[in-house]
mmCIF file of all heavy atoms, coordinates in Angstrom:
data_MODEL
# 
_entry.id   MODEL 
# 
loop_
_atom_site.group_PDB 
_atom_site.id 
_atom_site.type_symbol 
_atom_site.label_atom_id 
_atom_site.label_alt_id 
_atom_site.label_comp_id 
_atom_site.label_asym_id 
_atom_site.label_entity_id 
_atom_site.label_seq_id 
_atom_site.pdbx_PDB_ins_code 
_atom_site.Cartn_x 
_atom_site.Cartn_y 
_atom_site.Cartn_z 
_atom_site.occupancy 
_atom_site.B_iso_or_equiv 
_atom_site.pdbx_formal_charge 
_atom_site.auth_seq_id 
_atom_site.auth_comp_id 
_atom_site.auth_asym_id 
_atom_site.auth_atom_id 
_atom_site.pdbx_PDB_model_num 
ATOM 1   N N   . THR A 1 1  ? 124.437 12.412 127.756 1.00 0.00 ? 1  THR A N   1 
ATOM 2   C CA  . THR A 1 1  ? 123.046 12.818 127.577 1.00 0.00 ? 1  THR A CA  1 
ATOM 3   C C   . THR A 1 1  ? 122.992 14.267 127.114 1.00 0.00 ? 1  THR A C   1 
ATOM 4   O O   . THR A 1 1  ? 123.961 15.019 127.254 1.00 0.00 ? 1  THR A O   1 
ATOM 5   C CB  . THR A 1 1  ? 122.248 12.674 128.898 1.00 0.00 ? 1  THR A CB  1 
ATOM 6   O OG1 . THR A 1 1  ? 122.874 13.486 129.900 1.00 0.00 ? 1  THR A OG1 1 
ATOM 7   C CG2 . THR A 1 1  ? 122.223 11.223 129.352 1.00 0.00 ? 1  THR A CG2 1 
ATOM 8   N N   . ALA A 1 2  ? 121.839 14.646 126.592 1.00 0.00 ? 2  ALA A N   1 
ATOM 9   C CA  . ALA A 1 2  ? 121.645 16.011 126.111 1.00 0.00 ? 2  ALA A CA  1 
ATOM 10  C C   . ALA A 1 2  ? 121.239 16.921 127.269 1.00 0.00 ? 2  ALA A C   1 
ATOM 11  O O   . ALA A 1 2  ? 120.561 16.490 128.205 1.00 0.00 ? 2  ALA A O   1 
ATOM 12  C CB  . ALA A 1 2  ? 120.586 16.036 125.023 1.00 0.00 ? 2  ALA A CB  1 
ATOM 13  N N   . ASP A 1 3  ? 121.658 18.174 127.192 1.00 0.00 ? 3  ASP A N   1 
ATOM 14  C CA  . ASP A 1 3  ? 121.295 19.175 128.197 1.00 0.00 ? 3  ASP A CA  1 
ATOM 15  C C   . ASP A 1 3  ? 120.437 20.257 127.549 1.00 0.00 ? 3  ASP A C   1 
ATOM 16  O O   . ASP A 1 3  ? 120.623 20.598 126.375 1.00 0.00 ? 3  ASP A O   1 
ATOM 17  C CB  . ASP A 1 3  ? 122.545 19.834 128.783 1.00 0.00 ? 3  ASP A CB  1 
ATOM 18  C CG  . ASP A 1 3  ? 123.392 18.858 129.585 1.00 0.00 ? 3  ASP A CG  1 
ATOM 19  O OD1 . ASP A 1 3  ? 122.802 18.029 130.304 1.00 0.00 ? 3  ASP A OD1 1 
ATOM 20  O OD2 . ASP A 1 3  ? 124.632 18.931 129.469 1.00 0.00 ? 3  ASP A OD2 1 
ATOM 21  N N   . LYS A 1 4  ? 119.514 20.810 128.331 1.00 0.00 ? 4  LYS A N   1 
ATOM 22  C CA  . LYS A 1 4  ? 118.722 21.935 127.851 1.00 0.00 ? 4  LYS A CA  1 
ATOM 23  C C   . LYS A 1 4  ? 119.443 23.231 128.205 1.00 0.00 ? 4  LYS A C   1 
ATOM 24  O O   . LYS A 1 4  ? 119.816 23.442 129.364 1.00 0.00 ? 4  LYS A O   1 
ATOM 25  C CB  . LYS A 1 4  ? 117.316 21.915 128.452 1.00 0.00 ? 4  LYS A CB  1 
ATOM 26  C CG  . LYS A 1 4  ? 116.408 20.868 127.821 1.00 0.00 ? 4  LYS A CG  1 
ATOM 27  C CD  . LYS A 1 4  ? 114.954 21.113 128.136 1.00 0.00 ? 4  LYS A CD  1 
ATOM 28  C CE  . LYS A 1 4  ? 114.051 20.187 127.335 1.00 0.00 ? 4  LYS A CE  1 
ATOM 29  N NZ  . LYS A 1 4  ? 112.619 20.463 127.550 1.00 0.00 ? 4  LYS A NZ  1 
ATOM 30  N N   . ILE A 1 5  ? 119.647 24.066 127.197 1.00 0.00 ? 5  ILE A N   1 
ATOM 31  C CA  . ILE A 1 5  ? 120.431 25.279 127.364 1.00 0.00 ? 5  ILE A CA  1 
ATOM 32  C C   . ILE A 1 5  ? 119.660 26.471 126.801 1.00 0.00 ? 5  ILE A C   1 
ATOM 33  O O   . ILE A 1 5  ? 119.133 26.403 125.685 1.00 0.00 ? 5  ILE A O   1 
ATOM 34  C CB  . ILE A 1 5  ? 121.784 25.168 126.627 1.00 0.00 ? 5  ILE A CB  1 
ATOM 35  C CG1 . ILE A 1 5  ? 122.508 23.874 127.014 1.00 0.00 ? 5  ILE A CG1 1 
ATOM 36  C CG2 . ILE A 1 5  ? 122.661 26.379 126.910 1.00 0.00 ? 5  ILE A CG2 1 
ATOM 37  C CD1 . ILE A 1 5  ? 123.703 23.560 126.137 1.00 0.00 ? 5  ILE A CD1 1 
ATOM 38  N N   . THR A 1 6  ? 119.592 27.546 127.553 1.00 0.00 ? 6  THR A N   1 
ATOM 39  C CA  . THR A 1 6  ? 118.975 28.783 127.070 1.00 0.00 ? 6  THR A CA  1 
ATOM 40  C C   . THR A 1 6  ? 120.049 29.609 126.371 1.00 0.00 ? 6  THR A C   1 
ATOM 41  O O   . THR A 1 6  ? 121.117 29.859 126.941 1.00 0.00 ? 6  THR A O   1 
ATOM 42  C CB  . THR A 1 6  ? 118.369 29.590 128.223 1.00 0.00 ? 6  THR A CB  1 
ATOM 43  O OG1 . THR A 1 6  ? 117.374 28.796 128.876 1.00 0.00 ? 6  THR A OG1 1 
ATOM 44  C CG2 . THR A 1 6  ? 117.726 30.876 127.712 1.00 0.00 ? 6  THR A CG2 1 
ATOM 45  N N   . VAL A 1 7  ? 119.757 30.004 125.127 1.00 0.00 ? 7  VAL A N   1 
ATOM 46  C CA  . VAL A 1 7  ? 120.766 30.719 124.340 1.00 0.00 ? 7  VAL A CA  1 
ATOM 47  C C   . VAL A 1 7  ? 120.151 31.907 123.614 1.00 0.00 ? 7  VAL A C   1 
ATOM 48  O O   . VAL A 1 7  ? 118.949 31.962 123.356 1.00 0.00 ? 7  VAL A O   1 
ATOM 49  C CB  . VAL A 1 7  ? 121.432 29.784 123.291 1.00 0.00 ? 7  VAL A CB  1 
ATOM 50  C CG1 . VAL A 1 7  ? 122.098 28.598 123.961 1.00 0.00 ? 7  VAL A CG1 1 
ATOM 51  C CG2 . VAL A 1 7  ? 120.428 29.321 122.245 1.00 0.00 ? 7  VAL A CG2 1 
ATOM 52  N N   . TYR A 1 8  ? 121.045 32.858 123.265 1.00 0.00 ? 8  TYR A N   1 
ATOM 53  C CA  . TYR A 1 8  ? 120.674 33.989 122.415 1.00 0.00 ? 8  TYR A CA  1 
ATOM 54  C C   . TYR A 1 8  ? 121.297 33.724 121.044 1.00 0.00 ? 8  TYR A C   1 
ATOM 55  O O   . TYR A 1 8  ? 122.522 33.770 120.902 1.00 0.00 ? 8  TYR A O   1 
ATOM 56  C CB  . TYR A 1 8  ? 121.212 35.300 122.995 1.00 0.00 ? 8  TYR A CB  1 
ATOM 57  C CG  . TYR A 1 8  ? 120.889 35.507 124.460 1.00 0.00 ? 8  TYR A CG  1 
ATOM 58  C CD1 . TYR A 1 8  ? 121.912 35.620 125.409 1.00 0.00 ? 8  TYR A CD1 1 
ATOM 59  C CD2 . TYR A 1 8  ? 119.570 35.571 124.901 1.00 0.00 ? 8  TYR A CD2 1 
ATOM 60  C CE1 . TYR A 1 8  ? 121.628 35.810 126.749 1.00 0.00 ? 8  TYR A CE1 1 
ATOM 61  C CE2 . TYR A 1 8  ? 119.278 35.759 126.245 1.00 0.00 ? 8  TYR A CE2 1 
ATOM 62  C CZ  . TYR A 1 8  ? 120.311 35.871 127.159 1.00 0.00 ? 8  TYR A CZ  1 
ATOM 63  O OH  . TYR A 1 8  ? 120.007 36.049 128.488 1.00 0.00 ? 8  TYR A OH  1 
ATOM 64  N N   . PRO A 1 9  ? 120.504 33.430 120.032 1.00 0.00 ? 9  PRO A N   1 
ATOM 65  C CA  . PRO A 1 9  ? 121.060 33.079 118.713 1.00 0.00 ? 9  PRO A CA  1 
ATOM 66  C C   . PRO A 1 9  ? 121.487 34.312 117.921 1.00 0.00 ? 9  PRO A C   1 
ATOM 67  O O   . PRO A 1 9  ? 120.750 35.286 117.828 1.00 0.00 ? 9  PRO A O   1 
ATOM 68  C CB  . PRO A 1 9  ? 119.884 32.370 118.032 1.00 0.00 ? 9  PRO A CB  1 
ATOM 69  C CG  . PRO A 1 9  ? 118.669 33.001 118.635 1.00 0.00 ? 9  PRO A CG  1 
ATOM 70  C CD  . PRO A 1 9  ? 119.033 33.331 120.062 1.00 0.00 ? 9  PRO A CD  1 
ATOM 71  N N   . TYR A 1 10 ? 122.699 34.255 117.343 1.00 0.00 ? 10 TYR A N   1 
ATOM 72  C CA  . TYR A 1 10 ? 123.242 35.404 116.621 1.00 0.00 ? 10 TYR A CA  1 
ATOM 73  C C   . TYR A 1 10 ? 123.451 35.151 115.129 1.00 0.00 ? 10 TYR A C   1 
ATOM 74  O O   . TYR A 1 10 ? 123.378 36.073 114.330 1.00 0.00 ? 10 TYR A O   1 
ATOM 75  C CB  . TYR A 1 10 ? 124.588 35.823 117.233 1.00 0.00 ? 10 TYR A CB  1 
ATOM 76  C CG  . TYR A 1 10 ? 124.517 36.232 118.680 1.00 0.00 ? 10 TYR A CG  1 
ATOM 77  C CD1 . TYR A 1 10 ? 125.524 35.880 119.574 1.00 0.00 ? 10 TYR A CD1 1 
ATOM 78  C CD2 . TYR A 1 10 ? 123.439 36.981 119.167 1.00 0.00 ? 10 TYR A CD2 1 
ATOM 79  C CE1 . TYR A 1 10 ? 125.465 36.260 120.906 1.00 0.00 ? 10 TYR A CE1 1 
ATOM 80  C CE2 . TYR A 1 10 ? 123.371 37.357 120.493 1.00 0.00 ? 10 TYR A CE2 1 
ATOM 81  C CZ  . TYR A 1 10 ? 124.386 36.996 121.369 1.00 0.00 ? 10 TYR A CZ  1 
ATOM 82  O OH  . TYR A 1 10 ? 124.320 37.372 122.685 1.00 0.00 ? 10 TYR A OH  1 
ATOM 83  N N   . LEU A 1 11 ? 123.735 33.898 114.772 1.00 0.00 ? 11 LEU A N   1 
ATOM 84  C CA  . LEU A 1 11 ? 124.082 33.645 113.373 1.00 0.00 ? 11 LEU A CA  1 
ATOM 85  C C   . LEU A 1 11 ? 124.015 32.156 113.074 1.00 0.00 ? 11 LEU A C   1 
ATOM 86  O O   . LEU A 1 11 ? 124.355 31.324 113.919 1.00 0.00 ? 11 LEU A O   1 
ATOM 87  C CB  . LEU A 1 11 ? 125.522 34.150 113.104 1.00 0.00 ? 11 LEU A CB  1 
ATOM 88  C CG  . LEU A 1 11 ? 126.074 33.993 111.682 1.00 0.00 ? 11 LEU A CG  1 
ATOM 89  C CD1 . LEU A 1 11 ? 125.363 34.948 110.729 1.00 0.00 ? 11 LEU A CD1 1 
ATOM 90  C CD2 . LEU A 1 11 ? 127.584 34.253 111.667 1.00 0.00 ? 11 LEU A CD2 1 
ATOM 91  N N   . LEU A 1 12 ? 123.565 31.827 111.860 1.00 0.00 ? 12 LEU A N   1 
ATOM 92  C CA  . LEU A 1 12 ? 123.673 30.460 111.332 1.00 0.00 ? 12 LEU A CA  1 
ATOM 93  C C   . LEU A 1 12 ? 124.840 30.453 110.350 1.00 0.00 ? 12 LEU A C   1 
ATOM 94  O O   . LEU A 1 12 ? 124.909 31.305 109.462 1.00 0.00 ? 12 LEU A O   1 
ATOM 95  C CB  . LEU A 1 12 ? 122.383 30.054 110.607 1.00 0.00 ? 12 LEU A CB  1 
ATOM 96  C CG  . LEU A 1 12 ? 121.290 29.390 111.427 1.00 0.00 ? 12 LEU A CG  1 
ATOM 97  C CD1 . LEU A 1 12 ? 120.050 29.195 110.561 1.00 0.00 ? 12 LEU A CD1 1 
ATOM 98  C CD2 . LEU A 1 12 ? 121.737 28.053 111.991 1.00 0.00 ? 12 LEU A CD2 1 
ATOM 99  N N   . LYS A 1 13 ? 125.734 29.494 110.493 1.00 0.00 ? 13 LYS A N   1 
ATOM 100 C CA  . LYS A 1 13 ? 126.907 29.449 109.607 1.00 0.00 ? 13 LYS A CA  1 
ATOM 101 C C   . LYS A 1 13 ? 127.114 28.029 109.088 1.00 0.00 ? 13 LYS A C   1 
ATOM 102 O O   . LYS A 1 13 ? 126.986 27.062 109.842 1.00 0.00 ? 13 LYS A O   1 
ATOM 103 C CB  . LYS A 1 13 ? 128.159 29.918 110.350 1.00 0.00 ? 13 LYS A CB  1 
ATOM 104 C CG  . LYS A 1 13 ? 129.411 29.939 109.465 1.00 0.00 ? 13 LYS A CG  1 
ATOM 105 C CD  . LYS A 1 13 ? 130.579 30.594 110.175 1.00 0.00 ? 13 LYS A CD  1 
ATOM 106 C CE  . LYS A 1 13 ? 131.860 30.524 109.350 1.00 0.00 ? 13 LYS A CE  1 
ATOM 107 N NZ  . LYS A 1 13 ? 131.729 31.221 108.050 1.00 0.00 ? 13 LYS A NZ  1 
ATOM 108 N N   . GLU A 1 14 ? 127.439 27.939 107.815 1.00 0.00 ? 14 GLU A N   1 
ATOM 109 C CA  . GLU A 1 14 ? 127.734 26.644 107.204 1.00 0.00 ? 14 GLU A CA  1 
ATOM 110 C C   . GLU A 1 14 ? 129.228 26.534 106.940 1.00 0.00 ? 14 GLU A C   1 
ATOM 111 O O   . GLU A 1 14 ? 129.872 27.482 106.499 1.00 0.00 ? 14 GLU A O   1 
ATOM 112 C CB  . GLU A 1 14 ? 126.976 26.487 105.881 1.00 0.00 ? 14 GLU A CB  1 
ATOM 113 C CG  . GLU A 1 14 ? 127.183 25.119 105.241 1.00 0.00 ? 14 GLU A CG  1 
ATOM 114 C CD  . GLU A 1 14 ? 126.606 25.040 103.836 1.00 0.00 ? 14 GLU A CD  1 
ATOM 115 O OE1 . GLU A 1 14 ? 126.399 26.112 103.227 1.00 0.00 ? 14 GLU A OE1 1 
ATOM 116 O OE2 . GLU A 1 14 ? 126.398 23.929 103.338 1.00 0.00 ? 14 GLU A OE2 1 
ATOM 117 N N   . TYR A 1 15 ? 129.787 25.369 107.222 1.00 0.00 ? 15 TYR A N   1 
ATOM 118 C CA  . TYR A 1 15 ? 131.192 25.105 106.906 1.00 0.00 ? 15 TYR A CA  1 
ATOM 119 C C   . TYR A 1 15 ? 131.326 23.638 106.551 1.00 0.00 ? 15 TYR A C   1 
ATOM 120 O O   . TYR A 1 15 ? 130.995 22.753 107.344 1.00 0.00 ? 15 TYR A O   1 
ATOM 121 C CB  . TYR A 1 15 ? 132.100 25.445 108.091 1.00 0.00 ? 15 TYR A CB  1 
ATOM 122 C CG  . TYR A 1 15 ? 133.569 25.167 107.832 1.00 0.00 ? 15 TYR A CG  1 
ATOM 123 C CD1 . TYR A 1 15 ? 134.284 25.908 106.897 1.00 0.00 ? 15 TYR A CD1 1 
ATOM 124 C CD2 . TYR A 1 15 ? 134.241 24.156 108.520 1.00 0.00 ? 15 TYR A CD2 1 
ATOM 125 C CE1 . TYR A 1 15 ? 135.629 25.656 106.652 1.00 0.00 ? 15 TYR A CE1 1 
ATOM 126 C CE2 . TYR A 1 15 ? 135.577 23.896 108.283 1.00 0.00 ? 15 TYR A CE2 1 
ATOM 127 C CZ  . TYR A 1 15 ? 136.265 24.653 107.337 1.00 0.00 ? 15 TYR A CZ  1 
ATOM 128 O OH  . TYR A 1 15 ? 137.595 24.388 107.092 1.00 0.00 ? 15 TYR A OH  1 
ATOM 129 N N   . ARG A 1 16 ? 131.763 23.393 105.325 1.00 0.00 ? 16 ARG A N   1 
ATOM 130 C CA  . ARG A 1 16 ? 131.974 22.041 104.828 1.00 0.00 ? 16 ARG A CA  1 
ATOM 131 C C   . ARG A 1 16 ? 130.754 21.146 105.042 1.00 0.00 ? 16 ARG A C   1 
ATOM 132 O O   . ARG A 1 16 ? 130.841 20.051 105.586 1.00 0.00 ? 16 ARG A O   1 
ATOM 133 C CB  . ARG A 1 16 ? 133.225 21.424 105.459 1.00 0.00 ? 16 ARG A CB  1 
ATOM 134 C CG  . ARG A 1 16 ? 134.509 22.103 104.995 1.00 0.00 ? 16 ARG A CG  1 
ATOM 135 C CD  . ARG A 1 16 ? 135.720 21.276 105.272 1.00 0.00 ? 16 ARG A CD  1 
ATOM 136 N NE  . ARG A 1 16 ? 136.891 21.834 104.610 1.00 0.00 ? 16 ARG A NE  1 
ATOM 137 C CZ  . ARG A 1 16 ? 138.104 21.292 104.633 1.00 0.00 ? 16 ARG A CZ  1 
ATOM 138 N NH1 . ARG A 1 16 ? 138.298 20.163 105.297 1.00 0.00 ? 16 ARG A NH1 1 
ATOM 139 N NH2 . ARG A 1 16 ? 139.112 21.860 103.999 1.00 0.00 ? 16 ARG A NH2 1 
ATOM 140 N N   . ASN A 1 17 ? 129.606 21.643 104.605 1.00 0.00 ? 17 ASN A N   1 
ATOM 141 C CA  . ASN A 1 17 ? 128.352 20.895 104.613 1.00 0.00 ? 17 ASN A CA  1 
ATOM 142 C C   . ASN A 1 17 ? 127.810 20.599 106.013 1.00 0.00 ? 17 ASN A C   1 
ATOM 143 O O   . ASN A 1 17 ? 126.951 19.742 106.175 1.00 0.00 ? 17 ASN A O   1 
ATOM 144 C CB  . ASN A 1 17 ? 128.498 19.575 103.842 1.00 0.00 ? 17 ASN A CB  1 
ATOM 145 C CG  . ASN A 1 17 ? 128.870 19.797 102.402 1.00 0.00 ? 17 ASN A CG  1 
ATOM 146 O OD1 . ASN A 1 17 ? 128.279 20.643 101.733 1.00 0.00 ? 17 ASN A OD1 1 
ATOM 147 N ND2 . ASN A 1 17 ? 129.862 19.080 101.912 1.00 0.00 ? 17 ASN A ND2 1 
ATOM 148 N N   . ARG A 1 18 ? 128.323 21.309 107.012 1.00 0.00 ? 18 ARG A N   1 
ATOM 149 C CA  . ARG A 1 18 ? 127.746 21.210 108.347 1.00 0.00 ? 18 ARG A CA  1 
ATOM 150 C C   . ARG A 1 18 ? 127.272 22.603 108.745 1.00 0.00 ? 18 ARG A C   1 
ATOM 151 O O   . ARG A 1 18 ? 127.909 23.610 108.431 1.00 0.00 ? 18 ARG A O   1 
ATOM 152 C CB  . ARG A 1 18 ? 128.765 20.713 109.381 1.00 0.00 ? 18 ARG A CB  1 
ATOM 153 C CG  . ARG A 1 18 ? 129.160 19.262 109.233 1.00 0.00 ? 18 ARG A CG  1 
ATOM 154 C CD  . ARG A 1 18 ? 130.041 18.845 110.401 1.00 0.00 ? 18 ARG A CD  1 
ATOM 155 N NE  . ARG A 1 18 ? 129.285 18.671 111.631 1.00 0.00 ? 18 ARG A NE  1 
ATOM 156 C CZ  . ARG A 1 18 ? 129.832 18.690 112.853 1.00 0.00 ? 18 ARG A CZ  1 
ATOM 157 N NH1 . ARG A 1 18 ? 131.122 18.937 112.992 1.00 0.00 ? 18 ARG A NH1 1 
ATOM 158 N NH2 . ARG A 1 18 ? 129.081 18.499 113.925 1.00 0.00 ? 18 ARG A NH2 1 
ATOM 159 N N   . TRP A 1 19 ? 126.140 22.668 109.451 1.00 0.00 ? 19 TRP A N   1 
ATOM 160 C CA  . TRP A 1 19 ? 125.584 23.931 109.901 1.00 0.00 ? 19 TRP A CA  1 
ATOM 161 C C   . TRP A 1 19 ? 125.876 24.116 111.386 1.00 0.00 ? 19 TRP A C   1 
ATOM 162 O O   . TRP A 1 19 ? 125.861 23.148 112.166 1.00 0.00 ? 19 TRP A O   1 
ATOM 163 C CB  . TRP A 1 19 ? 124.076 23.972 109.666 1.00 0.00 ? 19 TRP A CB  1 
ATOM 164 C CG  . TRP A 1 19 ? 123.706 24.217 108.242 1.00 0.00 ? 19 TRP A CG  1 
ATOM 165 C CD1 . TRP A 1 19 ? 123.478 23.285 107.266 1.00 0.00 ? 19 TRP A CD1 1 
ATOM 166 C CD2 . TRP A 1 19 ? 123.502 25.495 107.622 1.00 0.00 ? 19 TRP A CD2 1 
ATOM 167 N NE1 . TRP A 1 19 ? 123.155 23.895 106.083 1.00 0.00 ? 19 TRP A NE1 1 
ATOM 168 C CE2 . TRP A 1 19 ? 123.166 25.251 106.270 1.00 0.00 ? 19 TRP A CE2 1 
ATOM 169 C CE3 . TRP A 1 19 ? 123.580 26.809 108.071 1.00 0.00 ? 19 TRP A CE3 1 
ATOM 170 C CZ2 . TRP A 1 19 ? 122.895 26.281 105.379 1.00 0.00 ? 19 TRP A CZ2 1 
ATOM 171 C CZ3 . TRP A 1 19 ? 123.310 27.831 107.185 1.00 0.00 ? 19 TRP A CZ3 1 
ATOM 172 C CH2 . TRP A 1 19 ? 122.970 27.567 105.856 1.00 0.00 ? 19 TRP A CH2 1 
ATOM 173 N N   . PHE A 1 20 ? 126.115 25.365 111.753 1.00 0.00 ? 20 PHE A N   1 
ATOM 174 C CA  . PHE A 1 20 ? 126.441 25.692 113.137 1.00 0.00 ? 20 PHE A CA  1 
ATOM 175 C C   . PHE A 1 20 ? 125.615 26.893 113.590 1.00 0.00 ? 20 PHE A C   1 
ATOM 176 O O   . PHE A 1 20 ? 125.378 27.821 112.808 1.00 0.00 ? 20 PHE A O   1 
ATOM 177 C CB  . PHE A 1 20 ? 127.925 26.021 113.285 1.00 0.00 ? 20 PHE A CB  1 
ATOM 178 C CG  . PHE A 1 20 ? 128.843 24.897 112.903 1.00 0.00 ? 20 PHE A CG  1 
ATOM 179 C CD1 . PHE A 1 20 ? 129.229 24.716 111.578 1.00 0.00 ? 20 PHE A CD1 1 
ATOM 180 C CD2 . PHE A 1 20 ? 129.313 24.003 113.865 1.00 0.00 ? 20 PHE A CD2 1 
ATOM 181 C CE1 . PHE A 1 20 ? 130.064 23.674 111.209 1.00 0.00 ? 20 PHE A CE1 1 
ATOM 182 C CE2 . PHE A 1 20 ? 130.156 22.961 113.501 1.00 0.00 ? 20 PHE A CE2 1 
ATOM 183 C CZ  . PHE A 1 20 ? 130.532 22.793 112.171 1.00 0.00 ? 20 PHE A CZ  1 
ATOM 184 N N   . LEU A 1 21 ? 125.185 26.852 114.826 1.00 0.00 ? 21 LEU A N   1 
ATOM 185 C CA  . LEU A 1 21 ? 124.500 27.989 115.434 1.00 0.00 ? 21 LEU A CA  1 
ATOM 186 C C   . LEU A 1 21 ? 125.512 28.748 116.280 1.00 0.00 ? 21 LEU A C   1 
ATOM 187 O O   . LEU A 1 21 ? 126.092 28.204 117.215 1.00 0.00 ? 21 LEU A O   1 
ATOM 188 C CB  . LEU A 1 21 ? 123.334 27.522 116.310 1.00 0.00 ? 21 LEU A CB  1 
ATOM 189 C CG  . LEU A 1 21 ? 122.617 28.636 117.095 1.00 0.00 ? 21 LEU A CG  1 
ATOM 190 C CD1 . LEU A 1 21 ? 121.915 29.598 116.140 1.00 0.00 ? 21 LEU A CD1 1 
ATOM 191 C CD2 . LEU A 1 21 ? 121.625 28.040 118.091 1.00 0.00 ? 21 LEU A CD2 1 
ATOM 192 N N   . ILE A 1 22 ? 125.742 30.006 115.919 1.00 0.00 ? 22 ILE A N   1 
ATOM 193 C CA  . ILE A 1 22 ? 126.612 30.868 116.702 1.00 0.00 ? 22 ILE A CA  1 
ATOM 194 C C   . ILE A 1 22 ? 125.713 31.626 117.671 1.00 0.00 ? 22 ILE A C   1 
ATOM 195 O O   . ILE A 1 22 ? 124.802 32.349 117.250 1.00 0.00 ? 22 ILE A O   1 
ATOM 196 C CB  . ILE A 1 22 ? 127.387 31.860 115.809 1.00 0.00 ? 22 ILE A CB  1 
ATOM 197 C CG1 . ILE A 1 22 ? 127.948 31.139 114.571 1.00 0.00 ? 22 ILE A CG1 1 
ATOM 198 C CG2 . ILE A 1 22 ? 128.476 32.544 116.612 1.00 0.00 ? 22 ILE A CG2 1 
ATOM 199 C CD1 . ILE A 1 22 ? 128.878 29.990 114.865 1.00 0.00 ? 22 ILE A CD1 1 
ATOM 200 N N   . CYS A 1 23 ? 125.948 31.464 118.953 1.00 0.00 ? 23 CYS A N   1 
ATOM 201 C CA  . CYS A 1 23 ? 125.022 32.016 119.946 1.00 0.00 ? 23 CYS A CA  1 
ATOM 202 C C   . CYS A 1 23 ? 125.793 32.319 121.237 1.00 0.00 ? 23 CYS A C   1 
ATOM 203 O O   . CYS A 1 23 ? 127.017 32.213 121.286 1.00 0.00 ? 23 CYS A O   1 
ATOM 204 C CB  . CYS A 1 23 ? 123.897 31.022 120.219 1.00 0.00 ? 23 CYS A CB  1 
ATOM 205 S SG  . CYS A 1 23 ? 124.472 29.412 120.852 1.00 0.00 ? 23 CYS A SG  1 
ATOM 206 N N   . GLU A 1 24 ? 125.052 32.683 122.254 1.00 0.00 ? 24 GLU A N   1 
ATOM 207 C CA  . GLU A 1 24 ? 125.636 32.901 123.573 1.00 0.00 ? 24 GLU A CA  1 
ATOM 208 C C   . GLU A 1 24 ? 124.722 32.278 124.612 1.00 0.00 ? 24 GLU A C   1 
ATOM 209 O O   . GLU A 1 24 ? 123.506 32.483 124.593 1.00 0.00 ? 24 GLU A O   1 
ATOM 210 C CB  . GLU A 1 24 ? 125.817 34.394 123.855 1.00 0.00 ? 24 GLU A CB  1 
ATOM 211 C CG  . GLU A 1 24 ? 126.509 34.661 125.196 1.00 0.00 ? 24 GLU A CG  1 
ATOM 212 C CD  . GLU A 1 24 ? 126.787 36.136 125.435 1.00 0.00 ? 24 GLU A CD  1 
ATOM 213 O OE1 . GLU A 1 24 ? 126.300 36.968 124.653 1.00 0.00 ? 24 GLU A OE1 1 
ATOM 214 O OE2 . GLU A 1 24 ? 127.483 36.454 126.414 1.00 0.00 ? 24 GLU A OE2 1 
ATOM 215 N N   . LYS A 1 25 ? 125.302 31.510 125.503 1.00 0.00 ? 25 LYS A N   1 
ATOM 216 C CA  . LYS A 1 25 ? 124.512 30.923 126.577 1.00 0.00 ? 25 LYS A CA  1 
ATOM 217 C C   . LYS A 1 25 ? 124.043 32.023 127.526 1.00 0.00 ? 25 LYS A C   1 
ATOM 218 O O   . LYS A 1 25 ? 124.800 32.933 127.864 1.00 0.00 ? 25 LYS A O   1 
ATOM 219 C CB  . LYS A 1 25 ? 125.349 29.915 127.369 1.00 0.00 ? 25 LYS A CB  1 
ATOM 220 C CG  . LYS A 1 25 ? 125.760 28.670 126.604 1.00 0.00 ? 25 LYS A CG  1 
ATOM 221 C CD  . LYS A 1 25 ? 126.566 27.757 127.520 1.00 0.00 ? 25 LYS A CD  1 
ATOM 222 C CE  . LYS A 1 25 ? 127.070 26.534 126.805 1.00 0.00 ? 25 LYS A CE  1 
ATOM 223 N NZ  . LYS A 1 25 ? 127.894 25.678 127.695 1.00 0.00 ? 25 LYS A NZ  1 
# 
C-alpha cells in the first residue's frame, strides 16, 4: 500500500525517460 510522507523537495531529475523527485523525508 501507499504511505503518506512529508518531504522537503530539492530537485526534479530525469533519467532514461523516468522522472525522480530528489527530496528529504
